[in-house]
């Protein structure tokens, strides 16, 4: 039986698989109690089976503000007058496809989860992190899972990239506003991580774009991304970094965790943007600009 302490309690959203599940494992391994949000009872049962009393599952969709607030009330009752050590905003989705062929509702759904959902969760748990002066303990920290795509937009993942760019700006503003309460906000921008999201990506129905001028290019990008994803860093590396963000006495404001940091982050920043555009065009088989 794993032991845990409510004096070191965190909340993790999107805890069913991948980075969220890895963050739960790392925190529990370090003696923390984890309130882990999932959308399905089966995932809640799985967490209890693996981690026992060290985890309290929370059933809510981050887009459902009322359900999120109910989850926060459940955590508040369990904590008594304690504060949370941290909140990990991890839950997210990726809507793929060429922007010109995506309905506005699809873009809206992307932001509903990846940005507005983060806002729902952050507001609901802010008092437990330190915004409520009557609670005891040091102020907690908020860790945001962004992406390498939050600083460098790539073709056919425009909605996802846009939502992560927005999350980066949201996080920076939030960090400066929460100085009032002593609550820190830290961003993690992973590159490709080997998680089940790549199996889901392979199942995404991209055939609806087969009659568009982007059909061949989409096939190339999907093959490349699936390969990179399955060869990505293990989710446990990010889970351990999340715990470090919660406990490091002097954390950075942003961490990039990449298998190929020079190719994925440094080089695109060094090259002129038009040159990066040309590289994308060449790889995608687009015609040369006159």
Protein backbone atom coordinates (compact mmCIF):
# COMPACT_ATOMS: atom_id res chain seq x y z
CA UNK A 1 0.00 0.00 0.00
CA UNK A 2 1.41 3.38 -1.00
CA UNK A 3 1.41 6.05 1.72
CA UNK A 4 0.80 9.72 1.08
CA UNK A 5 0.29 12.95 2.96
CA UNK A 6 -2.35 15.63 2.51
CA UNK A 7 0.35 18.07 3.67
CA UNK A 8 1.87 17.52 0.20
CA UNK A 9 -1.19 17.30 -2.01
CA UNK A 10 -1.46 18.13 -5.69
CA UNK A 11 -4.19 18.17 -8.33
CA UNK A 12 -3.51 16.68 -11.77
CA UNK A 13 -5.91 17.06 -14.69
CA UNK A 14 -5.98 14.57 -17.55
CA UNK A 15 -4.55 11.82 -15.35
CA UNK A 16 -5.81 8.77 -17.24
CA UNK A 17 -2.73 8.24 -19.44
CA UNK A 18 0.48 9.83 -20.69
CA UNK A 19 2.00 12.85 -18.97
CA UNK A 20 -0.81 13.14 -16.45
CA UNK A 21 -0.52 9.52 -15.35
CA UNK A 22 3.28 9.86 -15.16
CA UNK A 23 2.95 12.97 -13.00
CA UNK A 24 0.67 11.06 -10.64
CA UNK A 25 3.20 8.24 -10.36
CA UNK A 26 6.09 10.62 -9.67
CA UNK A 27 4.19 12.56 -7.02
CA UNK A 28 2.96 9.41 -5.26
CA UNK A 29 6.49 8.04 -5.35
CA UNK A 30 7.59 11.17 -3.48
CA UNK A 31 4.97 10.76 -0.77
CA UNK A 32 2.35 13.19 -2.07
CA UNK A 33 -1.38 12.68 -2.18
CA UNK A 34 -2.81 13.23 -5.64
CA UNK A 35 -6.29 14.38 -6.60
CA UNK A 36 -6.40 13.08 -10.17
CA UNK A 37 -9.05 14.25 -12.61
CA UNK A 38 -10.39 11.91 -15.29
CA UNK A 39 -13.57 11.85 -17.39
CA UNK A 40 -14.44 8.16 -17.11
CA UNK A 41 -15.16 5.94 -14.12
CA UNK A 42 -13.04 3.18 -15.65
CA UNK A 43 -10.00 5.47 -15.52
CA UNK A 44 -10.79 6.40 -11.93
CA UNK A 45 -10.94 2.71 -11.04
CA UNK A 46 -7.62 2.11 -12.80
CA UNK A 47 -5.92 4.84 -10.77
CA UNK A 48 -7.23 3.39 -7.53
CA UNK A 49 -6.07 -0.08 -8.51
CA UNK A 50 -2.54 1.13 -9.25
CA UNK A 51 -2.02 3.73 -6.52
CA UNK A 52 -4.50 2.82 -3.79
CA UNK A 53 -5.25 5.38 -1.09
CA UNK A 54 -2.50 7.70 -2.35
CA UNK A 55 -4.85 8.91 -5.10
CA UNK A 56 -8.32 10.41 -4.94
CA UNK A 57 -9.92 10.40 -8.41
CA UNK A 58 -12.01 13.40 -9.46
CA UNK A 59 -14.57 12.88 -12.20
CA UNK A 60 -14.93 15.95 -14.40
CA UNK A 61 -14.37 17.32 -17.87
CA UNK A 62 -12.32 20.54 -17.70
CA UNK A 63 -14.78 22.17 -20.12
CA UNK A 64 -17.63 21.67 -17.62
CA UNK A 65 -17.21 24.58 -15.22
CA UNK A 66 -19.84 23.37 -12.75
CA UNK A 67 -18.27 19.90 -12.58
CA UNK A 68 -14.80 21.41 -12.09
CA UNK A 69 -16.07 23.52 -9.19
CA UNK A 70 -17.69 20.45 -7.65
CA UNK A 71 -14.32 18.69 -7.89
CA UNK A 72 -12.62 21.65 -6.18
CA UNK A 73 -15.18 21.53 -3.37
CA UNK A 74 -14.41 17.82 -2.90
CA UNK A 75 -10.69 18.61 -2.62
CA UNK A 76 -11.33 21.51 -0.24
CA UNK A 77 -13.26 19.24 2.11
CA UNK A 78 -10.51 16.62 2.07
CA UNK A 79 -7.77 19.20 2.76
CA UNK A 80 -9.41 20.80 5.77
CA UNK A 81 -7.58 24.11 6.25
CA UNK A 82 -4.47 23.03 4.32
CA UNK A 83 -3.25 24.46 1.03
CA UNK A 84 -2.35 22.49 -2.07
CA UNK A 85 1.28 22.01 -2.95
CA UNK A 86 0.44 22.32 -6.63
CA UNK A 87 -1.90 22.12 -9.59
CA UNK A 88 -0.93 20.52 -12.89
CA UNK A 89 -3.00 21.73 -15.84
CA UNK A 90 -2.35 18.87 -18.23
CA UNK A 91 -5.68 17.89 -19.81
CA UNK A 92 -5.77 18.68 -23.53
CA UNK A 93 -6.69 17.58 -27.02
CA UNK A 94 -5.30 18.09 -30.52
CA UNK A 95 -7.57 18.96 -33.45
CA UNK A 96 -5.67 18.22 -36.69
CA UNK A 97 -6.16 19.47 -40.23
CA UNK A 98 -5.47 22.37 -42.59
CA UNK A 99 -6.93 25.58 -41.17
CA UNK A 100 -8.76 26.58 -44.33
CA UNK A 101 -10.74 23.33 -44.19
CA UNK A 102 -11.62 23.35 -40.50
CA UNK A 103 -14.95 24.66 -39.26
CA UNK A 104 -14.89 27.38 -36.62
CA UNK A 105 -16.61 24.98 -34.22
CA UNK A 106 -13.59 22.67 -34.43
CA UNK A 107 -11.26 25.52 -33.55
CA UNK A 108 -13.60 26.54 -30.74
CA UNK A 109 -13.55 22.98 -29.35
CA UNK A 110 -9.75 23.06 -29.31
CA UNK A 111 -9.73 26.23 -27.22
CA UNK A 112 -12.61 25.01 -25.05
CA UNK A 113 -10.35 22.29 -23.65
CA UNK A 114 -6.81 23.62 -23.97
CA UNK A 115 -7.40 27.20 -22.82
CA UNK A 116 -10.88 27.76 -21.39
CA UNK A 117 -10.63 24.44 -19.56
CA UNK A 118 -7.36 25.55 -18.01
CA UNK A 119 -9.05 28.78 -16.94
CA UNK A 120 -11.96 26.86 -15.38
CA UNK A 121 -9.59 24.69 -13.37
CA UNK A 122 -7.25 27.50 -12.35
CA UNK A 123 -10.07 29.66 -11.03
CA UNK A 124 -11.72 26.77 -9.20
CA UNK A 125 -8.56 25.72 -7.35
CA UNK A 126 -6.96 29.16 -6.80
CA UNK A 127 -8.23 29.49 -3.23
CA UNK A 128 -6.73 26.11 -2.33
CA UNK A 129 -3.35 27.21 -3.70
CA UNK A 130 -3.14 30.40 -1.66
CA UNK A 131 -5.70 32.94 -2.81
CA UNK A 132 -7.69 32.19 0.37
CA UNK A 133 -5.74 33.80 3.25
CA UNK A 134 -7.50 31.66 5.86
CA UNK A 135 -5.83 28.47 4.67
CA UNK A 136 -2.55 27.37 6.22
CA UNK A 137 0.75 26.48 4.59
CA UNK A 138 2.97 28.01 1.93
CA UNK A 139 1.38 29.10 -1.36
CA UNK A 140 1.25 26.39 -3.99
CA UNK A 141 2.39 26.38 -7.60
CA UNK A 142 0.64 25.94 -10.93
CA UNK A 143 2.36 23.96 -13.68
CA UNK A 144 1.05 24.32 -17.22
CA UNK A 145 1.73 21.71 -19.88
CA UNK A 146 2.32 23.63 -23.09
CA UNK A 147 4.29 22.27 -26.05
CA UNK A 148 7.15 22.94 -28.42
CA UNK A 149 4.19 23.88 -30.63
CA UNK A 150 3.43 26.73 -28.24
CA UNK A 151 6.41 28.63 -29.60
CA UNK A 152 6.70 27.33 -33.16
CA UNK A 153 3.64 26.73 -35.35
CA UNK A 154 3.66 23.77 -37.72
CA UNK A 155 1.33 22.89 -40.61
CA UNK A 156 -1.85 20.90 -39.95
CA UNK A 157 -1.71 21.29 -36.17
CA UNK A 158 -2.76 24.93 -36.29
CA UNK A 159 -5.60 24.69 -33.74
CA UNK A 160 -3.39 22.88 -31.23
CA UNK A 161 -0.48 25.24 -31.77
CA UNK A 162 -2.72 28.30 -31.51
CA UNK A 163 -4.17 27.04 -28.22
CA UNK A 164 -0.70 26.46 -26.80
CA UNK A 165 0.54 29.89 -27.96
CA UNK A 166 -2.48 31.29 -26.11
CA UNK A 167 -1.66 29.20 -23.04
CA UNK A 168 1.88 30.61 -22.99
CA UNK A 169 0.56 34.18 -22.91
CA UNK A 170 -2.13 33.28 -20.39
CA UNK A 171 0.49 31.69 -18.14
CA UNK A 172 2.84 34.66 -18.28
CA UNK A 173 0.09 37.13 -17.38
CA UNK A 174 -1.24 34.82 -14.67
CA UNK A 175 2.21 34.39 -13.14
CA UNK A 176 2.59 38.14 -12.76
CA UNK A 177 -0.92 38.61 -11.36
CA UNK A 178 -0.51 35.80 -8.82
CA UNK A 179 2.56 37.47 -7.33
CA UNK A 180 -0.08 39.07 -5.09
CA UNK A 181 -0.68 35.69 -3.45
CA UNK A 182 2.80 34.20 -3.77
CA UNK A 183 1.50 31.52 -6.17
CA UNK A 184 4.03 30.70 -8.87
CA UNK A 185 3.17 29.62 -12.44
CA UNK A 186 5.61 27.43 -14.38
CA UNK A 187 5.31 26.29 -18.00
CA UNK A 188 6.64 23.01 -19.36
CA UNK A 189 6.97 22.80 -23.15
CA UNK A 190 7.54 19.17 -24.17
CA UNK A 191 8.49 18.00 -27.62
CA UNK A 192 7.44 14.55 -28.78
CA UNK A 193 6.61 12.30 -25.83
CA UNK A 194 5.89 8.59 -26.25
CA UNK A 195 2.28 8.45 -25.05
CA UNK A 196 -1.01 6.91 -26.26
CA UNK A 197 -1.89 10.23 -27.92
CA UNK A 198 0.00 8.99 -31.00
CA UNK A 199 -2.23 5.95 -31.29
CA UNK A 200 -5.20 8.29 -31.08
CA UNK A 201 -3.64 10.52 -33.73
CA UNK A 202 -3.32 7.59 -36.09
CA UNK A 203 -7.02 6.90 -35.63
CA UNK A 204 -8.03 10.50 -36.40
CA UNK A 205 -10.15 10.63 -39.54
CA UNK A 206 -8.07 12.74 -41.90
CA UNK A 207 -9.62 11.15 -44.97
CA UNK A 208 -12.08 14.05 -45.16
CA UNK A 209 -9.19 16.15 -46.45
CA UNK A 210 -8.35 13.71 -49.26
CA UNK A 211 -10.11 15.89 -51.83
CA UNK A 212 -8.21 19.03 -50.86
CA UNK A 213 -4.92 20.31 -52.32
CA UNK A 214 -3.29 19.36 -49.00
CA UNK A 215 -3.95 15.62 -49.26
CA UNK A 216 -0.42 14.45 -50.10
CA UNK A 217 1.24 16.84 -47.67
CA UNK A 218 -1.00 15.73 -44.81
CA UNK A 219 0.05 12.12 -45.36
CA UNK A 220 3.71 13.10 -45.11
CA UNK A 221 3.18 15.09 -41.94
CA UNK A 222 1.15 12.34 -40.26
CA UNK A 223 3.81 9.72 -41.00
CA UNK A 224 6.55 12.02 -39.71
CA UNK A 225 4.69 12.96 -36.51
CA UNK A 226 3.77 9.36 -35.70
CA UNK A 227 7.40 8.33 -36.11
CA UNK A 228 8.67 11.20 -33.96
CA UNK A 229 6.03 10.57 -31.31
CA UNK A 230 6.72 6.89 -30.93
CA UNK A 231 10.43 7.63 -30.67
CA UNK A 232 9.80 10.44 -28.19
CA UNK A 233 10.93 10.81 -24.62
CA UNK A 234 9.19 8.65 -22.01
CA UNK A 235 6.29 10.33 -20.22
CA UNK A 236 8.03 9.58 -16.91
CA UNK A 237 10.68 12.18 -17.78
CA UNK A 238 7.98 14.86 -17.87
CA UNK A 239 6.30 13.46 -14.75
CA UNK A 240 9.57 13.79 -12.83
CA UNK A 241 10.05 17.32 -14.15
CA UNK A 242 6.56 18.27 -12.97
CA UNK A 243 7.43 17.15 -9.44
CA UNK A 244 10.66 19.15 -9.63
CA UNK A 245 8.66 22.23 -10.62
CA UNK A 246 6.49 21.81 -7.53
CA UNK A 247 9.41 21.36 -5.14
CA UNK A 248 12.51 23.15 -6.50
CA UNK A 249 13.33 26.13 -4.25
CA UNK A 250 14.23 28.26 -7.30
CA UNK A 251 12.40 26.97 -10.38
CA UNK A 252 12.63 28.51 -13.84
CA UNK A 253 9.53 30.09 -15.33
CA UNK A 254 9.63 27.72 -18.33
CA UNK A 255 11.20 24.35 -19.09
CA UNK A 256 11.63 22.78 -22.52
CA UNK A 257 12.00 19.01 -22.52
CA UNK A 258 13.03 17.78 -25.96
CA UNK A 259 14.88 14.80 -27.39
CA UNK A 260 16.43 17.03 -30.06
CA UNK A 261 16.63 20.50 -28.49
CA UNK A 262 18.87 21.97 -31.19
CA UNK A 263 16.71 20.84 -34.12
CA UNK A 264 13.35 21.39 -32.44
CA UNK A 265 13.94 24.69 -30.66
CA UNK A 266 17.33 26.31 -31.16
CA UNK A 267 17.65 26.05 -34.95
CA UNK A 268 14.13 27.33 -35.78
CA UNK A 269 14.85 30.37 -33.59
CA UNK A 270 18.22 30.99 -35.22
CA UNK A 271 17.03 30.83 -38.82
CA UNK A 272 15.11 33.66 -40.51
CA UNK A 273 11.36 32.86 -40.48
CA UNK A 274 11.16 32.90 -44.30
CA UNK A 275 13.90 30.29 -44.45
CA UNK A 276 11.97 28.07 -42.03
CA UNK A 277 8.91 28.55 -44.26
CA UNK A 278 10.88 27.36 -47.27
CA UNK A 279 12.10 24.29 -45.41
CA UNK A 280 8.50 23.41 -44.52
CA UNK A 281 7.39 23.96 -48.12
CA UNK A 282 10.16 21.74 -49.46
CA UNK A 283 9.39 18.92 -47.05
CA UNK A 284 5.68 19.13 -47.80
CA UNK A 285 6.17 19.16 -51.57
CA UNK A 286 4.69 22.63 -52.01
CA UNK A 287 5.60 24.59 -55.17
CA UNK A 288 8.42 27.12 -54.92
CA UNK A 289 7.41 30.72 -54.52
CA UNK A 290 8.12 32.89 -57.58
